[in-house]
Every structure is written in structure tokens, then in C-alpha cells.
Protein backbone atom coordinates (compact mmCIF):
# COMPACT_ATOMS: atom_id res chain seq x y z
CA MET A 1 123.04 90.28 159.16
CA MET A 2 123.62 89.40 155.52
CA PRO A 3 125.05 85.90 154.89
CA THR A 4 128.71 85.88 153.89
CA ASP A 5 128.57 82.63 151.94
CA ASP A 6 126.74 81.76 148.70
CA SER A 7 123.68 80.37 150.45
CA THR A 8 121.43 82.62 148.41
CA ALA A 9 122.34 80.59 145.35
CA VAL A 10 120.42 77.49 146.35
CA ARG A 11 117.11 79.19 145.69
CA TYR A 12 117.92 79.52 141.99
CA PRO A 13 118.50 76.85 139.38
CA GLY A 14 122.01 76.72 137.96
CA PRO A 15 125.15 78.52 139.10
CA VAL A 16 124.85 82.11 140.24
CA SER A 17 127.00 84.60 138.35
CA ASP A 18 127.27 86.98 141.31
CA SER A 19 126.33 86.02 144.85
CA LYS A 20 125.46 89.66 145.53
CA GLN A 21 123.03 89.65 142.61
CA PRO A 22 121.21 86.33 142.78
CA GLY A 23 118.92 87.46 139.97
CA LEU A 24 121.82 86.87 137.57
CA ILE A 25 121.99 83.21 136.62
CA ASP A 26 123.67 81.27 133.86
CA LEU A 27 121.13 79.02 132.18
CA PRO A 28 121.32 77.46 128.74
CA ALA A 29 119.19 79.07 126.05
CA PRO A 30 116.13 77.04 125.06
CA GLU A 31 116.37 74.97 121.91
CA GLN A 32 115.47 76.97 118.81
CA LYS A 33 113.86 75.80 115.62
CA GLU A 34 115.88 75.70 112.43
CA PHE A 35 114.79 77.89 109.54
CA PRO A 36 116.37 76.99 106.20
CA ALA A 37 118.03 79.53 103.94
CA PRO A 38 115.33 80.75 101.53
CA ALA A 39 115.47 80.06 97.82
CA PRO A 40 116.49 82.97 95.59
CA LEU A 41 113.77 84.95 93.84
CA GLU A 42 113.46 85.01 90.06
CA SER A 43 111.96 88.52 90.12
CA HIS A 44 111.12 91.27 92.63
CA GLY A 45 107.78 92.57 93.86
CA PRO A 46 105.12 93.21 94.73
CA ALA A 47 106.30 94.24 98.18
CA ARG A 48 104.74 93.31 101.44
CA ILE A 49 104.63 96.43 103.62
CA ILE A 50 105.53 95.89 107.27
CA SER A 51 105.31 98.49 110.05
CA MET A 52 107.84 98.26 112.88
CA CYS A 53 105.68 99.61 115.67
CA ASN A 54 105.65 100.16 119.42
CA GLN A 55 104.53 103.32 121.18
CA LYS A 56 107.25 102.80 123.79
CA GLY A 57 110.64 104.19 122.82
CA GLY A 58 113.96 102.42 123.19
CA VAL A 59 112.73 98.91 122.41
CA GLY A 60 114.82 98.31 119.29
CA LYS A 61 112.48 99.41 116.49
CA THR A 62 115.11 101.19 114.42
CA THR A 63 117.80 98.58 115.07
CA THR A 64 115.38 95.88 113.98
CA THR A 65 114.25 97.84 110.92
CA ILE A 66 117.83 98.31 109.69
CA SER A 67 119.18 94.89 110.66
CA LEU A 68 116.18 92.94 109.38
CA GLY A 69 116.21 94.91 106.13
CA ALA A 70 119.92 94.21 105.64
CA SER A 71 119.42 90.51 106.44
CA LEU A 72 116.61 90.20 103.88
CA VAL A 73 118.91 91.80 101.31
CA GLU A 74 121.57 89.21 102.11
CA TYR A 75 119.00 86.56 101.15
CA GLY A 76 118.41 88.20 97.78
CA ARG A 77 115.41 90.34 98.64
CA LYS A 78 115.10 93.98 97.61
CA VAL A 79 114.10 96.17 100.54
CA LEU A 80 112.94 99.77 101.00
CA ILE A 81 113.14 101.28 104.48
CA VAL A 82 110.81 104.20 105.19
CA ASP A 83 112.03 106.39 108.04
CA PHE A 84 108.75 107.50 109.60
CA ASP A 85 110.14 109.00 112.80
CA PRO A 86 110.92 112.74 113.06
CA GLN A 87 114.07 111.83 114.99
CA GLY A 88 115.46 110.38 111.76
CA ALA A 89 117.27 107.52 113.49
CA ALA A 90 116.91 105.08 110.60
CA SER A 91 118.31 107.66 108.19
CA ALA A 92 121.29 108.36 110.45
CA GLY A 93 121.80 104.64 111.07
CA LEU A 94 122.16 104.09 107.33
CA GLY A 95 124.57 106.97 106.82
CA VAL A 96 122.13 109.49 105.33
CA ASN A 97 122.15 113.03 106.71
CA ALA A 98 118.49 113.90 106.17
CA ASN A 99 118.99 117.44 107.48
CA GLU A 100 120.93 118.28 104.33
CA LEU A 101 118.24 117.00 101.97
CA ASP A 102 115.73 119.24 100.23
CA THR A 103 113.01 116.57 100.09
CA THR A 104 112.08 113.93 102.65
CA ILE A 105 109.06 111.79 103.51
CA TYR A 106 107.39 114.88 104.99
CA ASP A 107 107.28 116.62 101.62
CA LEU A 108 105.76 113.53 100.03
CA LEU A 109 103.02 113.27 102.63
CA VAL A 110 101.82 116.84 102.16
CA ALA A 111 102.31 117.06 98.37
CA ALA A 112 99.28 117.11 96.08
CA ARG A 113 101.10 114.81 93.62
CA PRO A 114 103.91 113.04 95.49
CA ASP A 115 106.79 111.59 93.47
CA ILE A 116 108.72 109.18 95.64
CA LEU A 117 111.40 108.09 93.15
CA PRO A 118 113.66 111.18 93.44
CA VAL A 119 113.48 110.98 97.26
CA ILE A 120 114.69 107.37 97.56
CA GLN A 121 118.30 107.19 98.74
CA GLN A 122 120.60 104.27 97.99
CA THR A 123 122.55 103.01 101.00
CA SER A 124 126.00 101.46 101.22
CA MET A 125 124.33 98.05 100.89
CA PRO A 126 123.11 97.35 97.31
CA GLY A 127 119.45 96.35 97.36
CA LEU A 128 118.70 98.29 100.56
CA ASP A 129 117.13 101.70 99.85
CA LEU A 130 115.82 104.43 102.14
CA VAL A 131 113.15 107.12 102.19
CA PRO A 132 114.67 109.56 104.72
CA ALA A 133 113.04 111.68 107.42
CA ASN A 134 114.05 114.59 109.60
CA ILE A 135 112.46 116.86 112.19
CA ASP A 136 110.14 118.36 109.53
CA LEU A 137 108.05 115.19 109.81
CA SER A 138 106.85 116.31 113.25
CA ALA A 139 104.69 118.94 111.48
CA ALA A 140 102.97 116.38 109.27
CA GLU A 141 100.21 115.51 111.74
CA VAL A 142 99.16 119.17 111.91
CA GLN A 143 99.34 119.49 108.13
CA LEU A 144 97.29 116.35 107.52
CA VAL A 145 94.62 116.83 110.15
CA ASN A 146 92.18 118.58 107.77
CA GLU A 147 93.03 116.50 104.70
CA VAL A 148 90.55 114.12 103.10
CA ALA A 149 91.58 110.47 103.72
CA ARG A 150 94.40 111.70 105.95
CA GLU A 151 95.04 108.15 107.21
CA GLN A 152 95.94 107.02 103.69
CA ALA A 153 98.62 109.61 102.87
CA LEU A 154 101.52 107.15 103.23
CA ALA A 155 99.74 104.45 101.22
CA ARG A 156 99.34 106.97 98.39
CA VAL A 157 103.07 107.85 98.56
CA LEU A 158 104.24 104.21 98.44
CA ARG A 159 101.87 102.96 95.74
CA PRO A 160 104.16 103.71 92.75
CA VAL A 161 107.10 101.64 94.09
CA VAL A 162 105.32 98.64 95.60
CA ASP A 163 106.14 96.51 92.55
CA ASP A 164 109.86 97.39 92.73
CA TYR A 165 110.59 95.79 96.11
CA ASP A 166 110.02 92.55 97.98
CA ALA A 167 109.60 94.24 101.36
CA ILE A 168 108.93 97.80 102.51
CA ILE A 169 109.66 98.29 106.21
CA VAL A 170 108.27 101.39 107.92
CA ASP A 171 110.16 102.52 111.03
CA CYS A 172 107.41 104.14 113.12
CA GLN A 173 107.82 106.80 115.78
CA PRO A 174 107.15 105.87 119.45
CA SER A 175 103.55 107.09 119.38
CA LEU A 176 100.06 105.98 118.37
CA GLY A 177 99.31 109.28 116.62
CA LEU A 178 98.30 110.01 113.05
CA LEU A 179 101.69 109.08 111.58
CA THR A 180 101.53 105.61 113.10
CA VAL A 181 97.92 105.24 111.97
CA ASN A 182 99.12 106.13 108.46
CA ALA A 183 101.82 103.47 108.64
CA LEU A 184 99.39 100.79 109.82
CA THR A 185 96.82 101.77 107.20
CA ALA A 186 99.44 101.33 104.47
CA SER A 187 100.77 98.01 105.80
CA HIS A 188 100.03 94.36 105.29
CA GLY A 189 101.59 93.43 108.61
CA VAL A 190 103.05 94.82 111.82
CA ILE A 191 106.02 93.60 113.84
CA ILE A 192 106.11 94.67 117.48
CA PRO A 193 109.64 94.76 118.97
CA LEU A 194 109.33 94.39 122.72
CA GLU A 195 112.06 94.75 125.30
CA THR A 196 111.98 91.91 127.83
CA GLU A 197 111.28 94.27 130.71
CA PHE A 198 108.09 94.52 132.78
CA PHE A 199 107.16 98.10 131.89
CA ALA A 200 107.47 97.31 128.19
CA LEU A 201 104.58 94.85 128.57
CA ARG A 202 102.15 97.44 129.86
CA GLY A 203 101.46 99.20 126.57
CA VAL A 204 101.26 96.16 124.32
CA ALA A 205 97.55 95.61 124.94
CA LEU A 206 96.80 99.18 123.82
CA LEU A 207 98.91 98.72 120.69
CA VAL A 208 97.22 95.43 119.80
CA GLU A 209 93.83 97.10 120.36
CA THR A 210 94.86 99.94 118.01
CA VAL A 211 95.94 97.45 115.35
CA GLU A 212 92.62 95.62 115.62
CA ARG A 213 90.69 98.89 115.37
CA ILE A 214 92.58 99.93 112.24
CA LYS A 215 92.04 96.48 110.77
CA ASP A 216 88.32 96.81 111.39
CA ARG A 217 87.87 100.39 110.18
CA LEU A 218 90.65 101.25 107.74
CA ASN A 219 92.73 98.30 106.58
CA PRO A 220 91.13 94.83 106.59
CA ARG A 221 94.34 93.18 105.31
CA LEU A 222 96.39 94.25 108.36
CA ASP A 223 97.76 91.44 110.52
CA ILE A 224 100.17 91.21 113.43
CA ASP A 225 103.10 89.32 111.91
CA GLY A 226 104.66 88.76 115.28
CA ILE A 227 106.06 90.00 118.59
CA LEU A 228 109.86 90.19 118.66
CA ALA A 229 111.62 89.88 122.01
CA THR A 230 114.55 92.31 122.04
CA MET A 231 117.32 93.24 124.49
CA VAL A 232 117.03 89.78 126.00
CA ASP A 233 119.39 88.98 128.87
CA SER A 234 118.78 85.33 129.64
CA ARG A 235 120.99 85.56 132.74
CA THR A 236 118.32 87.49 134.61
CA LEU A 237 115.24 85.95 136.12
CA HIS A 238 113.29 89.09 135.23
CA SER A 239 114.02 88.75 131.52
CA ARG A 240 113.13 85.05 131.58
CA GLU A 241 109.87 85.75 133.41
CA VAL A 242 108.88 88.39 130.85
CA LEU A 243 109.61 85.90 128.06
CA GLU A 244 107.36 83.36 129.76
CA ARG A 245 104.57 85.94 129.98
CA LEU A 246 105.00 86.76 126.30
CA GLU A 247 104.79 83.08 125.38
CA GLN A 248 101.62 82.68 127.44
CA ALA A 249 99.99 85.84 126.08
CA PHE A 250 100.93 85.61 122.40
CA GLY A 251 101.75 81.97 121.70
CA GLU A 252 102.61 81.50 118.04
CA ARG A 253 102.59 85.25 117.49
CA LEU A 254 105.87 85.45 119.43
CA PHE A 255 108.81 85.00 117.08
CA ASP A 256 111.03 82.07 117.93
CA THR A 257 114.06 84.28 117.32
CA ARG A 258 115.29 86.30 120.30
CA ILE A 259 117.50 89.38 120.02
CA ARG A 260 120.02 89.52 122.83
CA ARG A 261 121.34 92.71 124.36
CA THR A 262 124.78 93.66 123.03
CA VAL A 263 126.88 96.81 122.69
CA LYS A 264 127.51 95.97 119.02
CA PHE A 265 124.12 97.39 118.01
CA PRO A 266 124.84 100.96 119.23
CA ASP A 267 128.38 100.61 117.86
CA ALA A 268 126.95 99.83 114.42
CA SER A 269 124.61 102.82 114.70
CA VAL A 270 127.56 105.11 115.42
CA ALA A 271 129.34 103.64 112.39
CA ALA A 272 126.17 104.39 110.35
CA GLU A 273 125.84 100.90 108.89
CA PRO A 274 123.89 97.71 109.58
CA ILE A 275 125.43 95.25 112.00
CA ASN A 276 125.48 92.80 109.08
CA THR A 277 128.37 94.74 107.53
CA TYR A 278 129.82 96.29 110.69
CA ALA A 279 130.24 92.97 112.53
CA PRO A 280 129.09 90.26 110.09
CA THR A 281 130.09 87.30 112.27
CA HIS A 282 128.72 88.69 115.53
CA ALA A 283 125.86 86.87 117.25
CA GLY A 284 123.64 89.94 116.82
CA ALA A 285 124.03 89.83 113.04
CA GLU A 286 123.34 86.09 113.06
CA ALA A 287 120.20 86.64 115.14
CA TYR A 288 118.75 89.05 112.59
CA ARG A 289 119.63 86.69 109.74
CA ARG A 290 117.72 84.01 111.62
CA LEU A 291 114.80 86.41 112.04
CA ALA A 292 114.84 87.08 108.29
CA ARG A 293 114.70 83.32 107.61
CA GLU A 294 111.87 82.92 110.11
CA ILE A 295 109.89 85.78 108.57
CA ILE A 296 110.29 84.30 105.09
CA ALA A 297 109.36 80.85 106.42
CA ARG A 298 106.20 82.32 107.95
CA GLY A 299 105.28 83.90 104.62
CA CYS A 300 105.57 87.47 105.89
CA VAL A 301 107.98 88.23 103.04
CA ALA A 302 108.32 86.34 99.76
């Protein structure tokens, strides 16, 4: 017979939120380091190119791409987001209907002489620009497969605008196919958003191995800038255990900033704007501002 009192609670530190779900506990968040507000820049560029990458879907890649980009802009940086996912989530999340556009990132990848400037879209946030994508991008891998230096198609597209921005963030699709290889070949660094859930851990080793292989064979400058814990629910033992595993496995590579789970992120996506403008005082917006400060402090962005 199940106990009718709260005796299950004594096995867990701190008060239990729900005696029927003893995995839910209320524990204080660990102390976090302070990252100072960065000094303003006297000029822009050259950009550091960062791929937001994880072959598992639903881990917060697009949310992080948009929110981090907007936070860097708030600190005076000029940012270009490259939507590199055929689903076009980053484009939609920034209020751009890529299905109505004549030219997207797909056309640039397959063009003999790509001209990126006419394709760049300004967003509602000054200083935050976008190269949009739509379902056409799904045909790019087939189109590129017989091309010479097919892994360098994106690098060739971005080269003319590198000096115009401080950061270029590439929102990768949930795959380790040719498009993702292109993104990693063009990048200086990679950020891996990782949901604090057990199954999300399983593919990280393969992703890190892919990054190391590309660094060895195609792009010697490529580094893992960090692992970002997303959708964190510190009330659950499971989430806390996954965080502990991440700390043990990645050490300093794990960003100190944690992104907590909140409904405000999907709400901002529906509103087609960054959380920084949709809910500027919300804890989610503050978390991404903190991540921007941490990334600048680490030297990942000027």
C-alpha cells in the first residue's frame, strides 16, 4: 500500500514540491559568476562565425540563435543570423516570411557567383540582420554533392560580409549532413545547446567527434566555444543529475549560464520577435544577456 503521508520526502534534500512526485524538489540555484557589461566597440568587424549545432532537434538551437544575437546587439555588437535550416524557424522567429522571397540562402549556395548583400534582410531590431531560408534549402545537399569544394560553399557565400559584422551566427539544422559540415567548415567556433535530459546526452559524443574531424581535415581554426545547458528545470533531480554529468564531462567547456525552461520563449516565437523585445524584463531575456556577456568575456565575440 502506498504511504498516505509525506514520508517519501525524507529521501530528498529540501522540501518536496509534490509528495506524489518526489522527483520535484525546490533547491536554490548554484552561485553564478558575474560577467561585466562589455565595453562598446569603436568599429565593427571582422566577424567571428559561430555555428549553433546539435543533431538532436528541439534543444533550443533557434531560440538561442535569435536570443543570443539580440543580446549581443543590445551590447553594441552588429550581428548577422544565417538561417541554415530548411524549416526556416529562425526566419519565422524574426518575422521574415521566407516563402515569399525570391532569393534565400539556397540560391546563394548553388550560385556560381553568389551575391549575399541583396539577400540580407533587416529585422525589427536595428543591428540584427538575417539571411533567410525556406524548404528549398533541403535540395542543397543534392545540388552540392558533385561540386568541387562542396564543404566550403557557405564560407564562400559569407566571405564578402565578414568585415561588416562582429558576429555571424549560423542556425544549423538537426543533422550532421553536408549542410552542417558546411556550417562548421565556415565557422571559427561552435556552440552546442543541450537540453538537460538524458537522451540529449547520447548524441553529444558523435557531434564532438564530428567537430574534431572537421577541425583536423577541413577547418583547423574550428573550436568548441561551449556547451549550453537549455530547458533547465532545477526542481527535478533528473535535470540536476544531467547538469552534473555535463560538468564532469565538459568542465570549463560548459557555459556557466543556464537557460531555464519557460513558456515565454515559444510565446516570443509566435510573436515573431526576440524575447529581448517581447519580454525584456523576463528571466529568460536576462539569461541570454548574461550568456552574451559570458561569451564576450571568453573572447568568443569581440
